[in-house]
N, C-alpha and C. Protein backbone atom coordinates (compact mmCIF):
# COMPACT_ATOMS: atom_id res chain seq x y z
N MET A 1 -69.21 -3.34 54.99
CA MET A 1 -69.99 -4.37 53.81
C MET A 1 -68.43 -5.11 53.36
N PRO A 2 -68.41 -6.18 53.35
CA PRO A 2 -67.44 -7.45 52.84
C PRO A 2 -67.46 -6.95 51.29
N SER A 3 -66.38 -7.09 50.94
CA SER A 3 -65.86 -7.28 49.48
C SER A 3 -66.00 -8.29 48.87
N SER A 4 -66.66 -8.62 47.61
CA SER A 4 -66.56 -9.70 46.72
C SER A 4 -65.49 -9.93 45.92
N THR A 5 -64.59 -8.87 45.68
CA THR A 5 -63.51 -9.18 45.07
C THR A 5 -62.23 -8.87 45.76
N GLY A 6 -60.97 -9.07 45.13
CA GLY A 6 -59.53 -8.62 45.88
C GLY A 6 -59.28 -9.77 46.69
N GLU A 7 -58.66 -9.48 47.81
CA GLU A 7 -57.84 -10.56 48.61
C GLU A 7 -59.04 -11.16 49.62
N ALA A 8 -60.04 -10.46 49.82
CA ALA A 8 -60.88 -11.12 50.56
C ALA A 8 -61.66 -12.13 50.15
N ALA A 9 -62.06 -12.42 48.58
CA ALA A 9 -62.40 -13.26 47.92
C ALA A 9 -61.26 -14.51 47.47
N ALA A 10 -60.23 -14.16 47.68
CA ALA A 10 -59.39 -15.18 47.11
C ALA A 10 -59.63 -16.48 47.87
N GLY A 11 -59.62 -17.36 46.99
CA GLY A 11 -59.48 -18.82 47.61
C GLY A 11 -60.90 -19.05 47.83
N ARG A 12 -61.98 -18.38 47.83
CA ARG A 12 -63.62 -18.45 48.05
C ARG A 12 -64.36 -18.89 46.76
N PRO A 13 -65.17 -19.62 46.46
CA PRO A 13 -65.96 -19.77 45.18
C PRO A 13 -67.13 -18.82 45.24
N PRO A 14 -67.45 -18.49 44.37
CA PRO A 14 -68.69 -17.37 44.15
C PRO A 14 -70.03 -18.16 44.87
N LEU A 15 -70.75 -17.18 45.52
CA LEU A 15 -71.99 -17.84 45.78
C LEU A 15 -72.88 -18.62 45.15
N ALA A 16 -72.89 -18.58 43.79
CA ALA A 16 -73.67 -19.17 42.85
C ALA A 16 -73.12 -20.59 43.04
N ARG A 17 -71.92 -20.76 42.88
CA ARG A 17 -71.05 -21.89 42.76
C ARG A 17 -71.26 -22.76 44.02
N ARG A 18 -71.13 -22.19 45.18
CA ARG A 18 -71.10 -22.79 46.28
C ARG A 18 -72.78 -23.19 46.54
N GLU A 19 -73.67 -22.55 45.93
CA GLU A 19 -75.31 -23.04 45.92
C GLU A 19 -75.31 -24.22 44.95
N ALA A 20 -74.94 -24.30 44.05
CA ALA A 20 -74.78 -25.41 42.75
C ALA A 20 -74.29 -26.39 43.85
N ILE A 21 -73.13 -26.40 44.32
CA ILE A 21 -72.65 -27.54 45.02
C ILE A 21 -73.47 -28.35 46.01
N ILE A 22 -73.75 -27.27 46.82
CA ILE A 22 -74.91 -27.88 47.56
C ILE A 22 -75.99 -28.42 47.50
N ALA A 23 -76.77 -27.63 46.23
CA ALA A 23 -78.07 -28.56 45.74
C ALA A 23 -77.61 -29.75 45.30
N PHE A 24 -76.72 -29.85 44.06
CA PHE A 24 -76.24 -31.21 43.73
C PHE A 24 -76.10 -32.32 44.77
N ASN A 25 -75.27 -31.96 45.57
CA ASN A 25 -74.81 -32.81 46.67
C ASN A 25 -76.32 -33.45 47.43
N LEU A 26 -77.25 -32.45 47.78
CA LEU A 26 -78.52 -32.71 48.38
C LEU A 26 -79.09 -33.60 47.58
N LEU A 27 -79.58 -33.10 46.02
CA LEU A 27 -80.18 -34.07 45.24
C LEU A 27 -79.51 -35.58 45.11
N LEU A 28 -78.35 -35.67 45.13
CA LEU A 28 -77.45 -36.98 44.87
C LEU A 28 -77.94 -37.67 45.97
N SER A 29 -77.71 -36.93 47.26
CA SER A 29 -77.90 -37.79 48.79
C SER A 29 -79.52 -38.23 48.64
N ARG A 30 -80.40 -37.87 48.30
CA ARG A 30 -82.09 -37.91 48.13
C ARG A 30 -82.25 -38.82 47.29
N CYS A 31 -81.35 -39.18 45.93
CA CYS A 31 -81.72 -40.09 45.01
C CYS A 31 -80.56 -40.74 44.66
N PRO A 32 -80.18 -41.99 45.73
CA PRO A 32 -79.34 -42.65 45.22
C PRO A 32 -79.08 -43.69 44.37
N GLY A 33 -80.20 -43.92 43.59
CA GLY A 33 -80.35 -44.55 42.20
C GLY A 33 -79.72 -43.48 41.00
N MET A 34 -79.73 -42.31 41.12
CA MET A 34 -79.49 -41.81 40.04
C MET A 34 -77.68 -41.71 39.79
N ALA A 35 -77.59 -41.85 38.46
CA ALA A 35 -75.93 -41.98 38.15
C ALA A 35 -75.97 -41.29 36.79
N LEU A 36 -74.66 -40.94 36.38
CA LEU A 36 -74.45 -40.53 35.03
C LEU A 36 -74.45 -41.93 34.01
N SER A 37 -75.16 -41.54 32.79
CA SER A 37 -75.48 -42.73 31.97
C SER A 37 -74.29 -42.71 30.74
N VAL A 38 -73.48 -41.88 31.05
CA VAL A 38 -72.28 -42.00 29.98
C VAL A 38 -70.86 -41.58 30.93
N PRO A 39 -69.94 -41.99 30.31
CA PRO A 39 -68.40 -41.74 31.11
C PRO A 39 -68.35 -40.43 31.59
N GLU A 40 -67.77 -39.98 32.50
CA GLU A 40 -67.73 -38.54 32.73
C GLU A 40 -66.59 -37.88 31.70
N ASN A 41 -65.87 -38.51 31.14
CA ASN A 41 -64.85 -37.91 30.13
C ASN A 41 -65.78 -37.82 28.85
N ALA A 42 -67.13 -38.48 28.59
CA ALA A 42 -67.83 -38.07 27.38
C ALA A 42 -68.93 -37.00 27.51
N LEU A 43 -68.88 -36.27 28.47
CA LEU A 43 -69.78 -34.99 28.82
C LEU A 43 -69.25 -33.72 28.09
N THR A 44 -69.92 -33.03 27.23
CA THR A 44 -69.86 -32.00 26.63
C THR A 44 -69.69 -30.77 27.10
N TRP A 45 -68.87 -29.54 27.25
CA TRP A 45 -68.82 -28.72 27.88
C TRP A 45 -69.32 -27.65 26.59
N ARG A 46 -70.07 -26.68 27.34
CA ARG A 46 -70.01 -25.39 26.41
C ARG A 46 -69.01 -24.37 25.99
N PRO A 47 -68.50 -24.14 24.91
CA PRO A 47 -67.52 -23.09 24.69
C PRO A 47 -67.85 -21.64 24.99
N THR A 48 -67.47 -21.48 26.48
CA THR A 48 -67.81 -19.97 26.65
C THR A 48 -66.56 -19.56 27.44
N ILE A 49 -66.46 -18.43 27.51
CA ILE A 49 -65.34 -17.97 28.40
C ILE A 49 -65.80 -17.32 29.83
N ILE A 50 -67.19 -16.93 29.66
CA ILE A 50 -67.80 -16.48 30.98
C ILE A 50 -68.19 -17.13 31.80
N MET A 51 -68.72 -18.68 31.71
CA MET A 51 -69.17 -19.56 32.67
C MET A 51 -69.03 -20.97 32.08
N ARG A 52 -68.43 -21.88 32.75
CA ARG A 52 -68.14 -23.18 32.50
C ARG A 52 -69.46 -23.98 32.66
N SER A 53 -70.28 -24.43 31.62
CA SER A 53 -71.44 -25.19 31.91
C SER A 53 -71.67 -26.51 30.97
N LEU A 54 -72.48 -27.47 31.05
CA LEU A 54 -72.55 -28.66 30.57
C LEU A 54 -73.48 -28.26 29.20
N GLU A 55 -73.50 -29.17 28.27
CA GLU A 55 -74.59 -29.09 26.65
C GLU A 55 -75.77 -30.03 27.68
N SER A 56 -75.39 -30.78 28.37
CA SER A 56 -76.19 -31.73 28.92
C SER A 56 -75.74 -32.47 29.91
N LEU A 57 -76.78 -33.12 30.66
CA LEU A 57 -76.36 -34.02 31.88
C LEU A 57 -77.17 -35.11 31.95
N PRO A 58 -76.80 -36.36 30.90
CA PRO A 58 -77.48 -37.42 30.89
C PRO A 58 -77.27 -38.18 32.20
N VAL A 59 -78.32 -38.42 32.73
CA VAL A 59 -78.62 -39.47 33.96
C VAL A 59 -79.50 -40.85 33.77
N ARG A 60 -79.22 -41.91 34.56
CA ARG A 60 -80.27 -43.10 34.53
C ARG A 60 -80.71 -43.07 36.00
N TRP A 61 -81.72 -43.74 36.23
CA TRP A 61 -82.23 -43.69 37.33
C TRP A 61 -82.30 -45.49 37.56
N GLU A 62 -81.86 -45.68 38.47
CA GLU A 62 -81.60 -47.11 39.09
C GLU A 62 -82.84 -47.62 40.11
N ALA A 63 -83.53 -48.21 39.68
CA ALA A 63 -84.61 -48.63 41.09
C ALA A 63 -83.95 -49.16 42.20
N GLU A 64 -84.66 -48.95 43.25
CA GLU A 64 -83.87 -49.79 44.35
C GLU A 64 -84.49 -50.84 44.70
């Protein structure tokens, strides 16, 4: 059984991160009118050492 730690996992993002990247890319490809409603540098990150996450993700919908 493959190990998820150590040298075997070096350089690979965890499964949950890969799933999130795939999901967001799919969502954005299917919703081309969706965009951030604030500048990227205005996003607020939660102060935690366990997992990096946004306080909120403000988006706008531009009709095509």
